[in-house]
């Protein structure tokens, strides 16, 4: 480098600027929540698995059709698409889960389907199953909050205990 060109940066200035930028990049990498990324990937994998299972069932049904006619007629269940109803009476475990969620003693861990105990008392015996059951009946949001139907289910459960 020439001393005659004052606008040109020295090697030390360039090296210092590169080192500063590398330091800032390392600091940003430390702020990444790897656990959150893993939870998100797990949730997406579960959704993809469910979708692929449904696709596999549909393809299986299509494979039974030859020339527009069924080779054999499987027994059709008219209620196979029917699901749990939001106005169902909660089971004992579901009622306990609704009460614990409502009181804040149990909470849904962010980004998961896992119930965690916050405070005194026992935890759920089947945390994943309970979360699924409560969501299927629209008693609980994806964030772990009780819906209006969930509060109604809790009231029905408490009334039935009398």
N, C-alpha and C. Protein backbone atom coordinates (compact mmCIF):
# COMPACT_ATOMS: atom_id res chain seq x y z
N UNK A 1 0.83 -1.17 0.00
CA UNK A 1 0.00 0.00 0.00
C UNK A 1 0.87 1.24 0.00
N UNK A 2 0.36 2.21 -0.59
CA UNK A 2 1.13 3.43 -0.73
C UNK A 2 0.75 4.41 0.36
N UNK A 3 1.75 5.09 0.87
CA UNK A 3 1.47 6.13 1.86
C UNK A 3 0.88 7.37 1.20
N UNK A 4 0.96 7.44 -0.13
CA UNK A 4 0.47 8.60 -0.86
C UNK A 4 -1.06 8.62 -0.96
N UNK A 5 -1.74 7.45 -0.81
CA UNK A 5 -3.21 7.38 -0.94
C UNK A 5 -3.82 7.33 0.46
N UNK A 6 -4.25 8.46 1.03
CA UNK A 6 -4.76 8.48 2.40
C UNK A 6 -6.14 7.83 2.53
N UNK A 7 -6.90 7.64 1.45
CA UNK A 7 -8.24 7.06 1.51
C UNK A 7 -8.22 5.55 1.67
N UNK A 8 -7.12 4.91 1.38
CA UNK A 8 -7.03 3.45 1.48
C UNK A 8 -6.82 3.05 2.92
N UNK A 9 -7.53 1.97 3.34
CA UNK A 9 -7.38 1.48 4.71
C UNK A 9 -6.13 0.64 4.83
N UNK A 10 -5.57 0.68 5.99
CA UNK A 10 -4.39 -0.14 6.23
C UNK A 10 -4.82 -1.59 6.47
N UNK A 11 -3.90 -2.49 6.34
CA UNK A 11 -4.17 -3.90 6.57
C UNK A 11 -4.72 -4.12 7.97
N UNK A 12 -4.17 -3.42 8.95
CA UNK A 12 -4.61 -3.57 10.33
C UNK A 12 -6.07 -3.11 10.49
N UNK A 13 -6.43 -2.02 9.81
CA UNK A 13 -7.82 -1.53 9.88
C UNK A 13 -8.79 -2.54 9.29
N UNK A 14 -8.42 -3.12 8.17
CA UNK A 14 -9.28 -4.13 7.52
C UNK A 14 -9.40 -5.37 8.41
N UNK A 15 -8.26 -5.81 8.96
CA UNK A 15 -8.27 -6.99 9.83
C UNK A 15 -9.12 -6.73 11.07
N UNK A 16 -9.02 -5.54 11.64
CA UNK A 16 -9.80 -5.17 12.82
C UNK A 16 -11.30 -5.16 12.48
N UNK A 17 -11.67 -4.63 11.33
CA UNK A 17 -13.08 -4.58 10.92
C UNK A 17 -13.63 -5.99 10.71
N UNK A 18 -12.84 -6.87 10.10
CA UNK A 18 -13.27 -8.26 9.90
C UNK A 18 -13.44 -8.95 11.24
N UNK A 19 -12.50 -8.74 12.17
CA UNK A 19 -12.58 -9.38 13.49
C UNK A 19 -13.82 -8.88 14.25
N UNK A 20 -14.13 -7.60 14.14
CA UNK A 20 -15.34 -7.05 14.79
C UNK A 20 -16.60 -7.69 14.22
N UNK A 21 -16.66 -7.84 12.92
CA UNK A 21 -17.84 -8.45 12.29
C UNK A 21 -17.98 -9.91 12.70
N UNK A 22 -16.87 -10.65 12.75
CA UNK A 22 -16.91 -12.05 13.19
C UNK A 22 -17.39 -12.13 14.64
N UNK A 23 -16.96 -11.22 15.49
CA UNK A 23 -17.40 -11.21 16.90
C UNK A 23 -18.90 -10.97 16.99
N UNK A 24 -19.41 -10.03 16.20
CA UNK A 24 -20.87 -9.77 16.21
C UNK A 24 -21.65 -10.99 15.73
N UNK A 25 -21.12 -11.68 14.72
CA UNK A 25 -21.81 -12.88 14.21
C UNK A 25 -21.83 -13.98 15.26
N UNK A 26 -20.75 -14.16 16.00
CA UNK A 26 -20.70 -15.18 17.05
C UNK A 26 -21.70 -14.85 18.15
N UNK A 27 -21.81 -13.57 18.52
CA UNK A 27 -22.79 -13.17 19.53
C UNK A 27 -24.22 -13.46 19.08
N UNK A 28 -24.52 -13.20 17.81
CA UNK A 28 -25.86 -13.49 17.29
C UNK A 28 -26.14 -14.99 17.29
N UNK A 29 -25.14 -15.81 17.00
CA UNK A 29 -25.32 -17.26 17.00
C UNK A 29 -25.63 -17.78 18.40
N UNK A 30 -25.10 -17.13 19.43
CA UNK A 30 -25.36 -17.56 20.80
C UNK A 30 -26.79 -17.28 21.22
N UNK A 31 -27.48 -16.35 20.54
CA UNK A 31 -28.86 -16.00 20.88
C UNK A 31 -29.87 -16.98 20.27
N UNK A 32 -29.44 -17.90 19.41
CA UNK A 32 -30.35 -18.85 18.78
C UNK A 32 -30.80 -19.88 19.81
N UNK A 33 -32.11 -20.11 19.89
CA UNK A 33 -32.68 -21.08 20.83
C UNK A 33 -32.77 -22.44 20.12
N UNK A 34 -31.78 -23.27 20.32
CA UNK A 34 -31.73 -24.58 19.65
C UNK A 34 -32.88 -25.46 20.12
N UNK A 35 -33.27 -25.36 21.40
CA UNK A 35 -34.37 -26.18 21.90
C UNK A 35 -35.68 -25.81 21.21
N UNK A 36 -35.91 -24.52 20.96
CA UNK A 36 -37.11 -24.08 20.27
C UNK A 36 -37.14 -24.61 18.84
N UNK A 37 -36.00 -24.60 18.19
CA UNK A 37 -35.91 -25.14 16.83
C UNK A 37 -36.23 -26.63 16.84
N UNK A 38 -35.72 -27.36 17.84
CA UNK A 38 -35.98 -28.80 17.93
C UNK A 38 -37.45 -29.07 18.20
N UNK A 39 -38.07 -28.27 19.09
CA UNK A 39 -39.51 -28.46 19.37
C UNK A 39 -40.35 -28.20 18.12
N UNK A 40 -40.02 -27.16 17.39
CA UNK A 40 -40.76 -26.83 16.18
C UNK A 40 -40.60 -27.94 15.14
N UNK A 41 -39.38 -28.44 14.99
CA UNK A 41 -39.15 -29.52 14.03
C UNK A 41 -39.93 -30.76 14.42
N UNK A 42 -40.00 -31.07 15.73
CA UNK A 42 -40.74 -32.24 16.20
C UNK A 42 -42.23 -32.09 15.91
N UNK A 43 -42.77 -30.90 16.15
CA UNK A 43 -44.20 -30.67 15.88
C UNK A 43 -44.49 -30.81 14.39
N UNK A 44 -43.61 -30.26 13.56
CA UNK A 44 -43.80 -30.38 12.11
C UNK A 44 -43.70 -31.83 11.66
N UNK A 45 -42.80 -32.59 12.27
CA UNK A 45 -42.66 -34.00 11.91
C UNK A 45 -43.92 -34.78 12.28
N UNK A 46 -44.53 -34.46 13.43
CA UNK A 46 -45.78 -35.14 13.83
C UNK A 46 -46.90 -34.82 12.84
N UNK A 47 -47.01 -33.56 12.41
CA UNK A 47 -48.03 -33.19 11.43
C UNK A 47 -47.81 -33.91 10.12
N UNK A 48 -46.54 -33.98 9.68
CA UNK A 48 -46.23 -34.66 8.43
C UNK A 48 -46.56 -36.15 8.53
N UNK A 49 -46.26 -36.76 9.68
CA UNK A 49 -46.55 -38.18 9.89
C UNK A 49 -48.05 -38.43 9.79
N UNK A 50 -48.84 -37.57 10.44
CA UNK A 50 -50.31 -37.71 10.40
C UNK A 50 -50.81 -37.58 8.96
N UNK A 51 -50.30 -36.59 8.23
CA UNK A 51 -50.72 -36.38 6.85
C UNK A 51 -50.35 -37.59 5.99
N UNK A 52 -49.15 -38.14 6.17
CA UNK A 52 -48.73 -39.30 5.39
C UNK A 52 -49.56 -40.53 5.72
N UNK A 53 -49.96 -40.70 6.98
CA UNK A 53 -50.82 -41.82 7.33
C UNK A 53 -52.17 -41.71 6.64
N UNK A 54 -52.73 -40.50 6.61
CA UNK A 54 -54.00 -40.30 5.92
C UNK A 54 -53.85 -40.54 4.43
N UNK A 55 -52.75 -40.07 3.86
CA UNK A 55 -52.49 -40.29 2.44
C UNK A 55 -52.36 -41.78 2.15
N UNK A 56 -51.65 -42.50 3.02
CA UNK A 56 -51.49 -43.94 2.83
C UNK A 56 -52.83 -44.67 2.87
N UNK A 57 -53.71 -44.27 3.78
CA UNK A 57 -55.05 -44.86 3.84
C UNK A 57 -55.84 -44.59 2.57
N UNK A 58 -55.75 -43.37 2.08
CA UNK A 58 -56.47 -43.01 0.86
C UNK A 58 -55.93 -43.81 -0.33
N UNK A 59 -54.59 -43.92 -0.43
CA UNK A 59 -54.00 -44.69 -1.53
C UNK A 59 -54.38 -46.17 -1.44
N UNK A 60 -54.45 -46.68 -0.22
CA UNK A 60 -54.86 -48.07 -0.04
C UNK A 60 -56.29 -48.26 -0.55
N UNK A 61 -57.17 -47.33 -0.19
CA UNK A 61 -58.56 -47.40 -0.66
C UNK A 61 -58.63 -47.31 -2.18
N UNK A 62 -57.78 -46.48 -2.78
CA UNK A 62 -57.77 -46.35 -4.24
C UNK A 62 -57.25 -47.61 -4.90
N UNK A 63 -56.31 -48.28 -4.24
CA UNK A 63 -55.75 -49.50 -4.79
C UNK A 63 -56.75 -50.65 -4.84
N UNK A 64 -57.79 -50.57 -4.02
CA UNK A 64 -58.82 -51.61 -4.01
C UNK A 64 -59.79 -51.46 -5.18
N UNK A 65 -59.71 -50.34 -5.87
CA UNK A 65 -60.61 -50.09 -7.00
C UNK A 65 -59.92 -50.50 -8.30
N UNK A 66 -60.58 -51.35 -9.07
CA UNK A 66 -60.04 -51.77 -10.36
C UNK A 66 -61.11 -51.52 -11.41
N UNK A 67 -60.78 -50.74 -12.43
CA UNK A 67 -61.73 -50.48 -13.51
C UNK A 67 -62.99 -49.77 -13.02
N UNK A 68 -62.88 -48.98 -11.99
CA UNK A 68 -64.03 -48.23 -11.51
C UNK A 68 -64.92 -49.03 -10.57
N UNK A 69 -64.66 -50.32 -10.38
CA UNK A 69 -65.46 -51.13 -9.47
C UNK A 69 -64.56 -51.67 -8.37
N UNK A 70 -65.13 -51.85 -7.22
CA UNK A 70 -64.36 -52.40 -6.10
C UNK A 70 -64.25 -53.90 -6.24
N UNK A 71 -63.03 -54.42 -6.00
CA UNK A 71 -62.83 -55.86 -6.00
C UNK A 71 -63.63 -56.49 -4.87
N UNK A 72 -63.52 -55.87 -3.71
CA UNK A 72 -64.29 -56.33 -2.57
C UNK A 72 -64.80 -55.09 -1.87
N UNK A 73 -65.91 -55.20 -1.23
CA UNK A 73 -66.51 -54.06 -0.55
C UNK A 73 -66.22 -54.18 0.94
N UNK A 74 -65.35 -53.32 1.46
CA UNK A 74 -65.09 -53.38 2.90
C UNK A 74 -66.30 -52.83 3.65
N UNK A 75 -66.44 -53.29 4.88
CA UNK A 75 -67.56 -52.77 5.67
C UNK A 75 -67.28 -51.31 5.98
N UNK A 76 -68.19 -50.45 5.58
CA UNK A 76 -68.04 -49.02 5.80
C UNK A 76 -68.61 -48.66 7.17
N UNK A 77 -67.84 -47.95 7.94
CA UNK A 77 -68.29 -47.47 9.23
C UNK A 77 -68.85 -46.07 9.03
N UNK A 78 -70.16 -45.88 9.19
CA UNK A 78 -70.74 -44.57 8.94
C UNK A 78 -70.25 -43.51 9.93
N UNK A 79 -69.65 -43.92 11.04
CA UNK A 79 -69.19 -42.97 12.04
C UNK A 79 -67.66 -42.81 12.05
N UNK A 80 -66.99 -43.28 10.99
CA UNK A 80 -65.53 -43.26 11.03
C UNK A 80 -64.97 -41.85 11.03
N UNK A 81 -65.71 -40.86 10.55
CA UNK A 81 -65.24 -39.48 10.58
C UNK A 81 -65.76 -38.72 11.80
N UNK A 82 -66.63 -39.35 12.56
CA UNK A 82 -67.17 -38.69 13.75
C UNK A 82 -66.09 -38.63 14.82
N UNK A 83 -66.04 -37.52 15.49
CA UNK A 83 -65.03 -37.36 16.54
C UNK A 83 -65.69 -36.99 17.84
N UNK A 84 -64.89 -36.77 18.84
CA UNK A 84 -65.42 -36.35 20.14
C UNK A 84 -66.14 -35.01 20.00
N UNK A 85 -67.12 -34.83 20.80
CA UNK A 85 -67.94 -33.62 20.75
C UNK A 85 -67.51 -32.66 21.85
N UNK A 86 -67.51 -31.34 21.58
CA UNK A 86 -67.12 -30.37 22.60
C UNK A 86 -68.04 -30.36 23.81
N UNK A 87 -69.27 -30.89 23.68
CA UNK A 87 -70.21 -30.88 24.79
C UNK A 87 -70.20 -32.20 25.57
N UNK A 88 -69.21 -33.07 25.30
CA UNK A 88 -69.06 -34.30 26.08
C UNK A 88 -68.85 -33.99 27.55
N UNK A 89 -69.20 -34.93 28.41
CA UNK A 89 -68.88 -34.82 29.83
C UNK A 89 -67.44 -35.31 30.00
N UNK A 90 -66.56 -34.50 30.58
CA UNK A 90 -65.17 -34.93 30.74
C UNK A 90 -65.05 -36.16 31.63
N UNK A 91 -64.08 -37.00 31.30
CA UNK A 91 -63.75 -38.13 32.17
C UNK A 91 -63.08 -37.56 33.42
N UNK A 92 -62.81 -38.42 34.38
CA UNK A 92 -62.16 -37.97 35.60
C UNK A 92 -60.81 -37.32 35.34
N UNK A 93 -59.98 -37.98 34.51
CA UNK A 93 -58.66 -37.42 34.20
C UNK A 93 -58.77 -36.11 33.42
N UNK A 94 -59.73 -36.06 32.48
CA UNK A 94 -59.91 -34.83 31.71
C UNK A 94 -60.40 -33.69 32.61
N UNK A 95 -61.32 -33.98 33.52
CA UNK A 95 -61.81 -32.97 34.44
C UNK A 95 -60.72 -32.45 35.35
N UNK A 96 -59.89 -33.36 35.86
CA UNK A 96 -58.76 -32.94 36.69
C UNK A 96 -57.79 -32.06 35.90
N UNK A 97 -57.55 -32.43 34.65
CA UNK A 97 -56.64 -31.65 33.81
C UNK A 97 -57.22 -30.26 33.54
N UNK A 98 -58.52 -30.20 33.24
CA UNK A 98 -59.16 -28.90 33.01
C UNK A 98 -59.06 -28.01 34.25
N UNK A 99 -59.32 -28.60 35.42
CA UNK A 99 -59.25 -27.83 36.67
C UNK A 99 -57.82 -27.36 36.93
N UNK A 100 -56.84 -28.22 36.72
CA UNK A 100 -55.44 -27.86 36.97
C UNK A 100 -54.97 -26.80 35.97
N UNK A 101 -55.40 -26.89 34.72
CA UNK A 101 -55.05 -25.87 33.74
C UNK A 101 -55.70 -24.54 34.07
N UNK A 102 -56.97 -24.60 34.49
CA UNK A 102 -57.70 -23.38 34.82
C UNK A 102 -57.06 -22.66 36.01
N UNK A 103 -56.60 -23.43 36.99
CA UNK A 103 -55.99 -22.83 38.19
C UNK A 103 -54.54 -22.40 37.95
N UNK A 104 -53.93 -22.87 36.86
CA UNK A 104 -52.54 -22.54 36.59
C UNK A 104 -51.55 -23.51 37.23
N UNK A 105 -52.06 -24.55 37.91
CA UNK A 105 -51.18 -25.53 38.53
C UNK A 105 -50.48 -26.38 37.48
N UNK A 106 -51.16 -26.64 36.37
CA UNK A 106 -50.54 -27.30 35.22
C UNK A 106 -50.50 -26.29 34.09
N UNK A 107 -49.43 -26.36 33.32
CA UNK A 107 -49.30 -25.49 32.15
C UNK A 107 -48.74 -26.31 31.00
N UNK A 108 -49.09 -25.89 29.80
CA UNK A 108 -48.54 -26.51 28.61
C UNK A 108 -47.18 -25.88 28.35
N UNK A 109 -46.15 -26.71 28.23
CA UNK A 109 -44.82 -26.18 27.93
C UNK A 109 -44.85 -25.56 26.54
N UNK A 110 -44.33 -24.35 26.38
CA UNK A 110 -44.38 -23.65 25.09
C UNK A 110 -43.78 -24.47 23.97
N UNK A 111 -44.51 -24.54 22.86
CA UNK A 111 -44.03 -25.24 21.68
C UNK A 111 -44.08 -26.75 21.75
N UNK A 112 -44.75 -27.31 22.79
CA UNK A 112 -44.80 -28.76 22.94
C UNK A 112 -46.24 -29.20 23.21
N UNK A 113 -46.40 -30.48 23.41
CA UNK A 113 -47.68 -31.04 23.85
C UNK A 113 -47.49 -31.67 25.22
N UNK A 114 -46.65 -31.07 26.04
CA UNK A 114 -46.31 -31.61 27.34
C UNK A 114 -46.87 -30.74 28.45
N UNK A 115 -47.59 -31.36 29.36
CA UNK A 115 -48.09 -30.64 30.53
C UNK A 115 -47.03 -30.69 31.63
N UNK A 116 -46.81 -29.56 32.26
CA UNK A 116 -45.84 -29.48 33.35
C UNK A 116 -46.54 -28.98 34.60
N UNK A 117 -46.11 -29.46 35.76
CA UNK A 117 -46.68 -29.06 37.04
C UNK A 117 -45.97 -27.81 37.52
N UNK A 118 -46.75 -26.81 37.92
CA UNK A 118 -46.21 -25.58 38.50
C UNK A 118 -46.88 -25.42 39.85
N UNK A 119 -46.22 -25.86 40.89
CA UNK A 119 -46.79 -25.79 42.23
C UNK A 119 -46.86 -27.16 42.86
N UNK A 120 -47.72 -27.28 43.84
CA UNK A 120 -47.88 -28.51 44.61
C UNK A 120 -48.78 -29.51 43.87
N UNK A 121 -48.68 -30.76 44.26
CA UNK A 121 -49.59 -31.79 43.78
C UNK A 121 -49.00 -32.64 42.68
N UNK A 122 -49.69 -33.72 42.39
CA UNK A 122 -49.20 -34.66 41.37
C UNK A 122 -49.40 -34.11 39.97
N UNK A 123 -48.64 -34.67 39.06
CA UNK A 123 -48.77 -34.30 37.66
C UNK A 123 -49.69 -35.26 36.94
N UNK A 124 -49.93 -35.03 35.65
CA UNK A 124 -50.80 -35.89 34.86
C UNK A 124 -50.19 -37.27 34.64
N UNK A 125 -51.04 -38.29 34.61
CA UNK A 125 -50.53 -39.64 34.38
C UNK A 125 -50.23 -39.88 32.90
N UNK A 126 -51.00 -39.27 32.01
CA UNK A 126 -50.81 -39.43 30.56
C UNK A 126 -50.87 -38.04 29.93
N UNK A 127 -49.79 -37.29 30.10
CA UNK A 127 -49.79 -35.88 29.67
C UNK A 127 -50.07 -35.72 28.19
N UNK A 128 -49.41 -36.50 27.34
CA UNK A 128 -49.61 -36.36 25.89
C UNK A 128 -51.03 -36.75 25.48
N UNK A 129 -51.53 -37.84 26.07
CA UNK A 129 -52.89 -38.27 25.74
C UNK A 129 -53.92 -37.25 26.18
N UNK A 130 -53.73 -36.69 27.36
CA UNK A 130 -54.67 -35.67 27.86
C UNK A 130 -54.67 -34.44 26.97
N UNK A 131 -53.50 -33.97 26.59
CA UNK A 131 -53.42 -32.79 25.74
C UNK A 131 -54.15 -33.05 24.43
N UNK A 132 -53.91 -34.22 23.84
CA UNK A 132 -54.59 -34.56 22.58
C UNK A 132 -56.09 -34.60 22.76
N UNK A 133 -56.56 -35.23 23.84
CA UNK A 133 -58.01 -35.34 24.08
C UNK A 133 -58.64 -33.96 24.29
N UNK A 134 -57.97 -33.10 25.03
CA UNK A 134 -58.52 -31.77 25.29
C UNK A 134 -58.54 -30.93 24.02
N UNK A 135 -57.52 -31.06 23.19
CA UNK A 135 -57.50 -30.30 21.94
C UNK A 135 -58.54 -30.81 20.94
N UNK A 136 -58.70 -32.13 20.86
CA UNK A 136 -59.65 -32.71 19.91
C UNK A 136 -61.07 -32.26 20.22
N UNK A 137 -61.37 -32.10 21.48
CA UNK A 137 -62.71 -31.65 21.88
C UNK A 137 -62.83 -30.12 21.89
N UNK A 138 -61.79 -29.43 21.47
CA UNK A 138 -61.75 -27.97 21.47
C UNK A 138 -61.92 -27.40 22.86
N UNK A 139 -61.37 -28.07 23.84
CA UNK A 139 -61.42 -27.58 25.21
C UNK A 139 -60.17 -26.80 25.56
N UNK A 140 -59.12 -26.94 24.74
CA UNK A 140 -57.86 -26.27 25.02
C UNK A 140 -57.27 -25.75 23.72
N UNK A 141 -56.70 -24.54 23.78
CA UNK A 141 -56.06 -23.96 22.60
C UNK A 141 -54.67 -24.57 22.42
N UNK A 142 -54.04 -24.25 21.31
CA UNK A 142 -52.68 -24.73 21.05
C UNK A 142 -51.70 -24.16 22.06
N UNK A 143 -52.04 -23.03 22.68
CA UNK A 143 -51.17 -22.42 23.68
C UNK A 143 -51.41 -22.94 25.09
N UNK A 144 -52.38 -23.84 25.26
CA UNK A 144 -52.64 -24.42 26.57
C UNK A 144 -53.69 -23.68 27.39
N UNK A 145 -54.38 -22.73 26.78
CA UNK A 145 -55.44 -22.00 27.48
C UNK A 145 -56.76 -22.73 27.28
N UNK A 146 -57.64 -22.66 28.29
CA UNK A 146 -58.97 -23.25 28.15
C UNK A 146 -59.80 -22.39 27.22
N UNK A 147 -60.55 -23.05 26.34
CA UNK A 147 -61.48 -22.33 25.47
C UNK A 147 -62.79 -22.15 26.22
N UNK A 148 -63.73 -21.46 25.61
CA UNK A 148 -65.05 -21.31 26.21
C UNK A 148 -65.71 -22.68 26.37
N UNK A 149 -65.55 -23.54 25.37
CA UNK A 149 -66.08 -24.90 25.48
C UNK A 149 -65.37 -25.67 26.59
N UNK A 150 -64.08 -25.41 26.79
CA UNK A 150 -63.33 -26.06 27.87
C UNK A 150 -63.81 -25.62 29.24
N UNK A 151 -64.11 -24.35 29.38
CA UNK A 151 -64.65 -23.87 30.66
C UNK A 151 -66.03 -24.47 30.92
N UNK A 152 -66.83 -24.60 29.85
CA UNK A 152 -68.14 -25.25 29.98
C UNK A 152 -68.00 -26.71 30.38
N UNK A 153 -67.01 -27.40 29.79
CA UNK A 153 -66.77 -28.81 30.13
C UNK A 153 -66.34 -28.93 31.59
N UNK A 154 -65.51 -28.00 32.05
CA UNK A 154 -65.09 -28.01 33.44
C UNK A 154 -66.30 -27.82 34.36
N UNK A 155 -67.20 -26.91 33.99
CA UNK A 155 -68.40 -26.67 34.80
C UNK A 155 -69.30 -27.92 34.82
N UNK A 156 -69.46 -28.58 33.65
CA UNK A 156 -70.26 -29.82 33.61
C UNK A 156 -69.64 -30.88 34.50
N UNK A 157 -68.32 -31.00 34.45
CA UNK A 157 -67.63 -32.00 35.26
C UNK A 157 -67.80 -31.69 36.74
N UNK A 158 -67.64 -30.43 37.12
CA UNK A 158 -67.81 -30.07 38.53
C UNK A 158 -69.24 -30.28 38.99
N UNK A 159 -70.22 -29.95 38.13
CA UNK A 159 -71.63 -30.16 38.49
C UNK A 159 -71.96 -31.64 38.65
N UNK A 160 -71.32 -32.50 37.83
CA UNK A 160 -71.61 -33.93 37.91
C UNK A 160 -71.01 -34.55 39.16
N UNK A 161 -70.05 -33.88 39.77
CA UNK A 161 -69.42 -34.42 40.97
C UNK A 161 -70.34 -34.30 42.20
N UNK A 162 -71.34 -33.44 42.10
CA UNK A 162 -72.25 -33.24 43.25
C UNK A 162 -73.17 -34.39 43.47
